[in-house]
PDB file of N, CA and C in Angstrom:
ATOM      1  N   MET A   1     -68.217 244.107 -20.326  1.00  0.00           N
ATOM      2  CA  MET A   1     -68.177 242.505 -19.728  1.00  0.00           C
ATOM      3  C   MET A   1     -67.015 242.096 -19.323  1.00  0.00           C
ATOM      4  N   ASP A   2     -67.041 241.208 -18.458  1.00  0.00           N
ATOM      5  CA  ASP A   2     -66.085 240.509 -17.744  1.00  0.00           C
ATOM      6  C   ASP A   2     -65.829 239.147 -18.313  1.00  0.00           C
ATOM      7  N   PHE A   3     -64.899 238.651 -18.862  1.00  0.00           N
ATOM      8  CA  PHE A   3     -64.888 237.292 -19.056  1.00  0.00           C
ATOM      9  C   PHE A   3     -63.854 236.497 -18.461  1.00  0.00           C
ATOM     10  N   CYS A   4     -64.237 235.466 -17.663  1.00  0.00           N
ATOM     11  CA  CYS A   4     -63.226 234.751 -16.744  1.00  0.00           C
ATOM     12  C   CYS A   4     -63.313 233.322 -17.133  1.00  0.00           C
ATOM     13  N   PHE A   5     -62.356 232.867 -17.611  1.00  0.00           N
ATOM     14  CA  PHE A   5     -62.316 231.224 -18.492  1.00  0.00           C
ATOM     15  C   PHE A   5     -61.303 230.598 -17.530  1.00  0.00           C
ATOM     16  N   PHE A   6     -61.207 229.134 -17.421  1.00  0.00           N
ATOM     17  CA  PHE A   6     -60.196 228.315 -17.087  1.00  0.00           C
ATOM     18  C   PHE A   6     -59.942 227.553 -18.255  1.00  0.00           C
ATOM     19  N   LEU A   7     -58.496 226.933 -18.582  1.00  0.00           N
ATOM     20  CA  LEU A   7     -58.288 225.917 -19.366  1.00  0.00           C
ATOM     21  C   LEU A   7     -57.957 224.899 -18.350  1.00  0.00           C
ATOM     22  N   ILE A   8     -58.800 224.060 -18.165  1.00  0.00           N
ATOM     23  CA  ILE A   8     -58.516 222.913 -17.194  1.00  0.00           C
ATOM     24  C   ILE A   8     -58.230 221.520 -18.117  1.00  0.00           C
ATOM     25  N   GLY A   9     -57.251 220.481 -17.660  1.00  0.00           N
ATOM     26  CA  GLY A   9     -56.984 219.582 -18.488  1.00  0.00           C
ATOM     27  C   GLY A   9     -56.678 218.258 -17.657  1.00  0.00           C
ATOM     28  N   PHE A  10     -55.994 217.062 -18.368  1.00  0.00           N
ATOM     29  CA  PHE A  10     -55.383 216.266 -17.551  1.00  0.00           C
ATOM     30  C   PHE A  10     -53.921 215.896 -18.660  1.00  0.00           C
ATOM     31  N   LYS A  11     -53.157 215.400 -17.792  1.00  0.00           N
ATOM     32  CA  LYS A  11     -51.928 215.315 -18.413  1.00  0.00           C
ATOM     33  C   LYS A  11     -51.155 213.868 -17.474  1.00  0.00           C
ATOM     34  N   GLU A  12     -50.342 213.204 -18.225  1.00  0.00           N
ATOM     35  CA  GLU A  12     -50.101 212.117 -17.466  1.00  0.00           C
ATOM     36  C   GLU A  12     -48.330 212.471 -17.681  1.00  0.00           C
ATOM     37  N   PHE A  13     -47.606 212.021 -16.693  1.00  0.00           N
ATOM     38  CA  PHE A  13     -46.038 212.283 -16.708  1.00  0.00           C
ATOM     39  C   PHE A  13     -45.517 210.726 -16.343  1.00  0.00           C
ATOM     40  N   ASN A  14     -44.889 210.405 -17.260  1.00  0.00           N
ATOM     41  CA  ASN A  14     -44.174 209.295 -16.974  1.00  0.00           C
ATOM     42  C   ASN A  14     -42.634 209.055 -16.935  1.00  0.00           C
ATOM     43  N   LYS A  15     -41.792 208.412 -15.968  1.00  0.00           N
ATOM     44  CA  LYS A  15     -40.589 208.423 -15.829  1.00  0.00           C
ATOM     45  C   LYS A  15     -40.301 206.893 -15.584  1.00  0.00           C
ATOM     46  N   PRO A  16     -38.671 206.624 -15.759  1.00  0.00           N
ATOM     47  CA  PRO A  16     -38.432 205.182 -15.989  1.00  0.00           C
ATOM     48  C   PRO A  16     -38.506 204.909 -14.510  1.00  0.00           C
ATOM     49  N   LEU A  17     -38.555 203.715 -13.807  1.00  0.00           N
ATOM     50  CA  LEU A  17     -38.196 203.171 -12.598  1.00  0.00           C
ATOM     51  C   LEU A  17     -36.718 203.196 -12.342  1.00  0.00           C
ATOM     52  N   ASP A  18     -36.181 203.799 -11.289  1.00  0.00           N
ATOM     53  CA  ASP A  18     -34.864 204.072 -10.983  1.00  0.00           C
ATOM     54  C   ASP A  18     -34.468 202.715 -10.566  1.00  0.00           C
ATOM     55  N   ASN A  19     -34.989 202.051  -9.592  1.00  0.00           N
ATOM     56  CA  ASN A  19     -34.397 200.901  -9.141  1.00  0.00           C
ATOM     57  C   ASN A  19     -34.750 199.827 -10.064  1.00  0.00           C
ATOM     58  N   ILE A  20     -35.277 199.747 -11.258  1.00  0.00           N
ATOM     59  CA  ILE A  20     -35.288 198.614 -12.100  1.00  0.00           C
ATOM     60  C   ILE A  20     -34.206 198.244 -12.964  1.00  0.00           C
ATOM     61  N   GLY A  21     -33.596 199.305 -13.296  1.00  0.00           N
ATOM     62  CA  GLY A  21     -32.858 199.788 -14.692  1.00  0.00           C
ATOM     63  C   GLY A  21     -33.612 199.803 -15.858  1.00  0.00           C
ATOM     64  N   ASN A  22     -32.582 199.142 -16.949  1.00  0.00           N
ATOM     65  CA  ASN A  22     -33.358 199.362 -18.254  1.00  0.00           C
ATOM     66  C   ASN A  22     -33.556 197.988 -18.924  1.00  0.00           C
ATOM     67  N   ILE A  23     -34.302 197.084 -18.068  1.00  0.00           N
ATOM     68  CA  ILE A  23     -34.609 195.974 -18.528  1.00  0.00           C
ATOM     69  C   ILE A  23     -35.649 196.064 -19.613  1.00  0.00           C
ATOM     70  N   THR A  24     -35.609 195.319 -20.764  1.00  0.00           N
ATOM     71  CA  THR A  24     -36.443 195.388 -21.812  1.00  0.00           C
ATOM     72  C   THR A  24     -37.517 194.021 -21.743  1.00  0.00           C
ATOM     73  N   CYS A  25     -38.860 194.449 -21.868  1.00  0.00           N
ATOM     74  CA  CYS A  25     -39.645 193.377 -21.631  1.00  0.00           C
ATOM     75  C   CYS A  25     -40.772 193.169 -22.851  1.00  0.00           C
ATOM     76  N   TYR A  26     -41.426 192.175 -22.890  1.00  0.00           N
ATOM     77  CA  TYR A  26     -42.170 191.546 -24.118  1.00  0.00           C
ATOM     78  C   TYR A  26     -43.393 192.143 -24.032  1.00  0.00           C
ATOM     79  N   CYS A  27     -43.649 192.787 -25.234  1.00  0.00           N
ATOM     80  CA  CYS A  27     -45.237 193.313 -25.300  1.00  0.00           C
ATOM     81  C   CYS A  27     -46.185 192.483 -25.837  1.00  0.00           C
ATOM     82  N   GLY A  28     -47.242 191.920 -25.236  1.00  0.00           N
ATOM     83  CA  GLY A  28     -48.068 191.058 -25.916  1.00  0.00           C
ATOM     84  C   GLY A  28     -48.972 191.535 -26.902  1.00  0.00           C
ATOM     85  N   ASN A  29     -48.967 192.611 -27.218  1.00  0.00           N
ATOM     86  CA  ASN A  29     -50.133 193.621 -28.121  1.00  0.00           C
ATOM     87  C   ASN A  29     -49.141 193.432 -29.715  1.00  0.00           C
ATOM     88  N   CYS A  30     -47.926 193.981 -29.746  1.00  0.00           N
ATOM     89  CA  CYS A  30     -47.273 193.908 -30.963  1.00  0.00           C
ATOM     90  C   CYS A  30     -46.337 192.950 -31.003  1.00  0.00           C
ATOM     91  N   HIS A  31     -45.845 192.146 -29.993  1.00  0.00           N
ATOM     92  CA  HIS A  31     -44.960 190.840 -29.888  1.00  0.00           C
ATOM     93  C   HIS A  31     -43.794 191.909 -30.076  1.00  0.00           C
ATOM     94  N   ASN A  32     -43.117 192.349 -29.541  1.00  0.00           N
ATOM     95  CA  ASN A  32     -41.609 193.301 -29.700  1.00  0.00           C
ATOM     96  C   ASN A  32     -41.355 193.201 -28.424  1.00  0.00           C
ATOM     97  N   GLN A  33     -40.043 193.035 -28.240  1.00  0.00           N
ATOM     98  CA  GLN A  33     -39.319 193.438 -26.856  1.00  0.00           C
ATOM     99  C   GLN A  33     -38.982 194.595 -27.040  1.00  0.00           C
ATOM    100  N   SER A  34     -39.955 195.607 -26.442  1.00  0.00           N
ATOM    101  CA  SER A  34     -39.918 196.994 -26.440  1.00  0.00           C
ATOM    102  C   SER A  34     -40.547 197.669 -25.257  1.00  0.00           C
ATOM    103  N   ALA A  35     -41.058 196.757 -24.296  1.00  0.00           N
ATOM    104  CA  ALA A  35     -41.840 197.557 -23.110  1.00  0.00           C
ATOM    105  C   ALA A  35     -40.814 197.757 -22.137  1.00  0.00           C
ATOM    106  N   HIS A  36     -40.780 198.922 -20.902  1.00  0.00           N
ATOM    107  CA  HIS A  36     -39.783 199.257 -20.371  1.00  0.00           C
ATOM    108  C   HIS A  36     -40.875 199.522 -18.875  1.00  0.00           C
ATOM    109  N   ALA A  37     -40.313 199.366 -17.790  1.00  0.00           N
ATOM    110  CA  ALA A  37     -40.903 199.896 -16.723  1.00  0.00           C
ATOM    111  C   ALA A  37     -41.005 201.399 -16.144  1.00  0.00           C
ATOM    112  N   ILE A  38     -42.023 201.751 -16.002  1.00  0.00           N
ATOM    113  CA  ILE A  38     -42.248 203.359 -15.757  1.00  0.00           C
ATOM    114  C   ILE A  38     -43.031 203.460 -14.415  1.00  0.00           C
ATOM    115  N   ARG A  39     -42.881 204.826 -14.001  1.00  0.00           N
ATOM    116  CA  ARG A  39     -43.746 205.507 -13.060  1.00  0.00           C
ATOM    117  C   ARG A  39     -44.452 206.135 -13.306  1.00  0.00           C
ATOM    118  N   THR A  40     -45.932 206.076 -13.562  1.00  0.00           N
ATOM    119  CA  THR A  40     -46.896 207.090 -14.149  1.00  0.00           C
ATOM    120  C   THR A  40     -47.555 207.938 -13.043  1.00  0.00           C
ATOM    121  N   ILE A  41     -47.637 209.368 -13.254  1.00  0.00           N
ATOM    122  CA  ILE A  41     -48.292 210.201 -12.437  1.00  0.00           C
ATOM    123  C   ILE A  41     -49.326 211.039 -13.257  1.00  0.00           C
ATOM    124  N   ASN A  42     -50.772 210.818 -12.989  1.00  0.00           N
ATOM    125  CA  ASN A  42     -51.746 211.590 -13.642  1.00  0.00           C
ATOM    126  C   ASN A  42     -51.962 212.785 -12.824  1.00  0.00           C
ATOM    127  N   CYS A  43     -52.251 214.034 -13.504  1.00  0.00           N
ATOM    128  CA  CYS A  43     -52.311 215.212 -13.120  1.00  0.00           C
ATOM    129  C   CYS A  43     -53.522 216.180 -13.685  1.00  0.00           C
ATOM    130  N   ILE A  44     -53.928 217.113 -12.898  1.00  0.00           N
ATOM    131  CA  ILE A  44     -54.892 217.913 -12.976  1.00  0.00           C
ATOM    132  C   ILE A  44     -54.172 219.162 -13.569  1.00  0.00           C
ATOM    133  N   THR A  45     -54.474 219.619 -14.582  1.00  0.00           N
ATOM    134  CA  THR A  45     -53.475 221.045 -15.026  1.00  0.00           C
ATOM    135  C   THR A  45     -54.527 222.192 -15.476  1.00  0.00           C
ATOM    136  N   LEU A  46     -53.983 223.468 -15.176  1.00  0.00           N
ATOM    137  CA  LEU A  46     -54.672 224.454 -15.089  1.00  0.00           C
ATOM    138  C   LEU A  46     -53.770 225.430 -16.082  1.00  0.00           C
ATOM    139  N   PHE A  47     -54.248 225.725 -16.929  1.00  0.00           N
ATOM    140  CA  PHE A  47     -53.330 226.461 -18.394  1.00  0.00           C
ATOM    141  C   PHE A  47     -52.013 225.742 -18.223  1.00  0.00           C
ATOM    142  N   PHE A  48     -52.030 224.364 -18.335  1.00  0.00           N
ATOM    143  CA  PHE A  48     -51.330 223.531 -18.952  1.00  0.00           C
ATOM    144  C   PHE A  48     -50.318 223.395 -17.713  1.00  0.00           C
ATOM    145  N   ILE A  49     -50.286 223.899 -16.515  1.00  0.00           N
ATOM    146  CA  ILE A  49     -49.681 223.727 -15.324  1.00  0.00           C
ATOM    147  C   ILE A  49     -49.958 222.569 -14.589  1.00  0.00           C
ATOM    148  N   PRO A  50     -49.218 221.623 -14.033  1.00  0.00           N
ATOM    149  CA  PRO A  50     -49.761 220.584 -13.465  1.00  0.00           C
ATOM    150  C   PRO A  50     -50.097 220.889 -12.026  1.00  0.00           C
ATOM    151  N   VAL A  51     -51.170 220.727 -11.504  1.00  0.00           N
ATOM    152  CA  VAL A  51     -51.972 221.469 -10.216  1.00  0.00           C
ATOM    153  C   VAL A  51     -52.070 220.190  -8.983  1.00  0.00           C
ATOM    154  N   LEU A  52     -52.856 219.158  -9.477  1.00  0.00           N
ATOM    155  CA  LEU A  52     -53.017 218.296  -8.556  1.00  0.00           C
ATOM    156  C   LEU A  52     -52.906 216.869  -8.994  1.00  0.00           C
ATOM    157  N   PRO A  53     -51.892 216.239  -8.543  1.00  0.00           N
ATOM    158  CA  PRO A  53     -51.793 214.561  -8.851  1.00  0.00           C
ATOM    159  C   PRO A  53     -52.911 213.818  -8.205  1.00  0.00           C
ATOM    160  N   PHE A  54     -53.546 213.017  -9.175  1.00  0.00           N
ATOM    161  CA  PHE A  54     -54.491 212.050  -8.313  1.00  0.00           C
ATOM    162  C   PHE A  54     -54.529 210.679  -9.012  1.00  0.00           C
ATOM    163  N   TYR A  55     -53.372 210.335  -9.422  1.00  0.00           N
ATOM    164  CA  TYR A  55     -53.198 208.812  -9.608  1.00  0.00           C
ATOM    165  C   TYR A  55     -51.630 208.519  -9.854  1.00  0.00           C
ATOM    166  N   PHE A  56     -51.156 207.775  -9.043  1.00  0.00           N
ATOM    167  CA  PHE A  56     -49.741 207.099  -9.236  1.00  0.00           C
ATOM    168  C   PHE A  56     -49.797 205.678  -9.382  1.00  0.00           C
ATOM    169  N   SER A  57     -48.958 205.170 -10.337  1.00  0.00           N
ATOM    170  CA  SER A  57     -48.831 203.720 -10.632  1.00  0.00           C
ATOM    171  C   SER A  57     -47.638 203.369 -11.305  1.00  0.00           C
ATOM    172  N   LYS A  58     -47.173 202.272 -11.153  1.00  0.00           N
ATOM    173  CA  LYS A  58     -45.734 201.564 -11.829  1.00  0.00           C
ATOM    174  C   LYS A  58     -46.403 200.487 -12.804  1.00  0.00           C
ATOM    175  N   ARG A  59     -45.837 200.784 -14.316  1.00  0.00           N
ATOM    176  CA  ARG A  59     -46.743 199.745 -15.011  1.00  0.00           C
ATOM    177  C   ARG A  59     -45.512 199.602 -16.241  1.00  0.00           C
ATOM    178  N   LEU A  60     -45.919 198.775 -17.129  1.00  0.00           N
ATOM    179  CA  LEU A  60     -45.038 198.453 -18.401  1.00  0.00           C
ATOM    180  C   LEU A  60     -45.548 199.063 -19.473  1.00  0.00           C
ATOM    181  N   LYS A  61     -45.029 199.930 -19.953  1.00  0.00           N
ATOM    182  CA  LYS A  61     -45.187 200.601 -21.483  1.00  0.00           C
ATOM    183  C   LYS A  61     -44.572 200.335 -22.610  1.00  0.00           C
ATOM    184  N   CYS A  62     -45.073 199.950 -23.821  1.00  0.00           N
ATOM    185  CA  CYS A  62     -44.625 199.572 -24.925  1.00  0.00           C
ATOM    186  C   CYS A  62     -43.832 200.760 -25.903  1.00  0.00           C
ATOM    187  N   SER A  63     -43.007 201.029 -26.169  1.00  0.00           N
ATOM    188  CA  SER A  63     -42.539 202.191 -26.737  1.00  0.00           C
ATOM    189  C   SER A  63     -42.805 202.177 -28.314  1.00  0.00           C
ATOM    190  N   ILE A  64     -43.324 201.027 -28.997  1.00  0.00           N
ATOM    191  CA  ILE A  64     -43.756 200.950 -30.098  1.00  0.00           C
ATOM    192  C   ILE A  64     -45.315 201.168 -30.378  1.00  0.00           C
ATOM    193  N   CYS A  65     -46.131 200.670 -29.416  1.00  0.00           N
ATOM    194  CA  CYS A  65     -47.463 200.626 -29.854  1.00  0.00           C
ATOM    195  C   CYS A  65     -48.028 201.200 -28.648  1.00  0.00           C
ATOM    196  N   ASN A  66     -47.498 201.716 -27.770  1.00  0.00           N
ATOM    197  CA  ASN A  66     -48.024 202.384 -26.436  1.00  0.00           C
ATOM    198  C   ASN A  66     -49.008 201.598 -25.409  1.00  0.00           C
ATOM    199  N   ALA A  67     -49.038 200.113 -25.644  1.00  0.00           N
ATOM    200  CA  ALA A  67     -49.686 199.542 -24.764  1.00  0.00           C
ATOM    201  C   ALA A  67     -49.117 199.469 -23.425  1.00  0.00           C
ATOM    202  N   SER A  68     -49.884 199.438 -22.028  1.00  0.00           N
ATOM    203  CA  SER A  68     -49.230 199.429 -21.152  1.00  0.00           C
ATOM    204  C   SER A  68     -50.082 198.528 -20.086  1.00  0.00           C
ATOM    205  N   GLY A  69     -49.570 198.169 -19.121  1.00  0.00           N
ATOM    206  CA  GLY A  69     -50.290 197.011 -18.040  1.00  0.00           C
ATOM    207  C   GLY A  69     -49.459 197.466 -16.710  1.00  0.00           C
ATOM    208  N   ASP A  70     -50.623 197.662 -15.620  1.00  0.00           N
ATOM    209  CA  ASP A  70     -49.888 197.624 -14.316  1.00  0.00           C
ATOM    210  C   ASP A  70     -48.854 196.597 -13.735  1.00  0.00           C
ATOM    211  N   LEU A  71     -47.932 197.074 -13.038  1.00  0.00           N
ATOM    212  CA  LEU A  71     -47.237 195.982 -12.372  1.00  0.00           C
ATOM    213  C   LEU A  71     -47.619 195.625 -10.953  1.00  0.00           C
ATOM    214  N   ASN A  72     -47.723 194.298 -10.829  1.00  0.00           N
ATOM    215  CA  ASN A  72     -48.210 194.094  -9.099  1.00  0.00           C
ATOM    216  C   ASN A  72     -46.713 193.568  -8.630  1.00  0.00           C
ATOM    217  N   LYS A  73     -46.965 193.389  -7.296  1.00  0.00           N
ATOM    218  CA  LYS A  73     -45.778 193.376  -6.539  1.00  0.00           C
ATOM    219  C   LYS A  73     -44.806 191.874  -7.053  1.00  0.00           C
ATOM    220  N   GLU A  74     -45.507 191.012  -7.458  1.00  0.00           N
ATOM    221  CA  GLU A  74     -44.666 189.631  -8.097  1.00  0.00           C
ATOM    222  C   GLU A  74     -43.634 190.043  -9.133  1.00  0.00           C
ATOM    223  N   ALA A  75     -44.760 190.938 -10.096  1.00  0.00           N
ATOM    224  CA  ALA A  75     -43.615 191.499 -11.480  1.00  0.00           C
ATOM    225  C   ALA A  75     -42.590 192.291 -11.039  1.00  0.00           C
ATOM    226  N   LEU A  76     -42.846 193.011  -9.994  1.00  0.00           N
ATOM    227  CA  LEU A  76     -41.881 194.196  -9.771  1.00  0.00           C
ATOM    228  C   LEU A  76     -40.713 193.470  -9.126  1.00  0.00           C
ATOM    229  N   SER A  77     -41.147 192.548  -8.240  1.00  0.00           N
ATOM    230  CA  SER A  77     -39.736 191.508  -7.711  1.00  0.00           C
ATOM    231  C   SER A  77     -39.113 190.827  -8.570  1.00  0.00           C
ATOM    232  N   ARG A  78     -39.815 190.360  -9.355  1.00  0.00           N
ATOM    233  CA  ARG A  78     -39.050 189.857 -10.658  1.00  0.00           C
ATOM    234  C   ARG A  78     -38.261 190.688 -11.688  1.00  0.00           C
ATOM    235  N   LEU A  79     -38.546 191.860 -11.597  1.00  0.00           N
ATOM    236  CA  LEU A  79     -37.809 192.943 -12.259  1.00  0.00           C
ATOM    237  C   LEU A  79     -36.793 193.467 -11.624  1.00  0.00           C
ATOM    238  N   ASN A  80     -36.859 193.596 -10.054  1.00  0.00           N
ATOM    239  CA  ASN A  80     -35.599 193.597  -9.412  1.00  0.00           C
ATOM    240  C   ASN A  80     -34.576 192.544  -9.329  1.00  0.00           C
ATOM    241  N   GLU A  81     -35.019 191.383  -9.634  1.00  0.00           N
ATOM    242  CA  GLU A  81     -34.222 190.239 -10.014  1.00  0.00           C
ATOM    243  C   GLU A  81     -33.559 190.243 -11.003  1.00  0.00           C
ATOM    244  N   GLY A  82     -33.639 190.987 -12.059  1.00  0.00           N
ATOM    245  CA  GLY A  82     -33.504 191.174 -13.155  1.00  0.00           C
ATOM    246  C   GLY A  82     -33.881 190.177 -14.311  1.00  0.00           C
ATOM    247  N   GLN A  83     -35.236 189.905 -14.259  1.00  0.00           N
ATOM    248  CA  GLN A  83     -35.912 188.886 -14.932  1.00  0.00           C
ATOM    249  C   GLN A  83     -36.920 189.649 -15.635  1.00  0.00           C
ATOM    250  N   PRO A  84     -36.873 189.565 -17.209  1.00  0.00           N
ATOM    251  CA  PRO A  84     -38.152 190.447 -17.917  1.00  0.00           C
ATOM    252  C   PRO A  84     -39.426 189.751 -17.484  1.00  0.00           C
ATOM    253  N   VAL A  85     -40.405 190.647 -17.495  1.00  0.00           N
ATOM    254  CA  VAL A  85     -41.873 190.264 -17.716  1.00  0.00           C
ATOM    255  C   VAL A  85     -42.485 190.862 -18.743  1.00  0.00           C
ATOM    256  N   ALA A  86     -43.706 190.378 -19.001  1.00  0.00           N
ATOM    257  CA  ALA A  86     -44.588 190.806 -20.065  1.00  0.00           C
ATOM    258  C   ALA A  86     -45.628 191.371 -20.061  1.00  0.00           C
ATOM    259  N   ILE A  87     -46.225 192.275 -20.856  1.00  0.00           N
ATOM    260  CA  ILE A  87     -47.672 193.136 -20.748  1.00  0.00           C
ATOM    261  C   ILE A  87     -48.499 191.908 -21.243  1.00  0.00           C
ATOM    262  N   GLY A  88     -49.554 191.852 -20.395  1.00  0.00           N
ATOM    263  CA  GLY A  88     -50.475 190.717 -20.548  1.00  0.00           C
ATOM    264  C   GLY A  88     -51.858 191.398 -21.639  1.00  0.00           C
TER     265      GLY A  88
END
């Protein structure tokens, strides 16, 4: 008997946005100043190895409660100017 199986899954990779810096933003979920701008890449994995990226986004993510929200162009321009924004 031959057995062939594939272990396929999904993985999210987060990296701080380089051009924003380390600006701490407000989280509307847990009400702390703990949200940071990140770049998110979601990938399909094969045997825990990232194979196919399928979603790219820029978002704010809270380091305490893990709430997150996408960043639009207006919020990105405010962050580039050094002004904090909030997770809605």
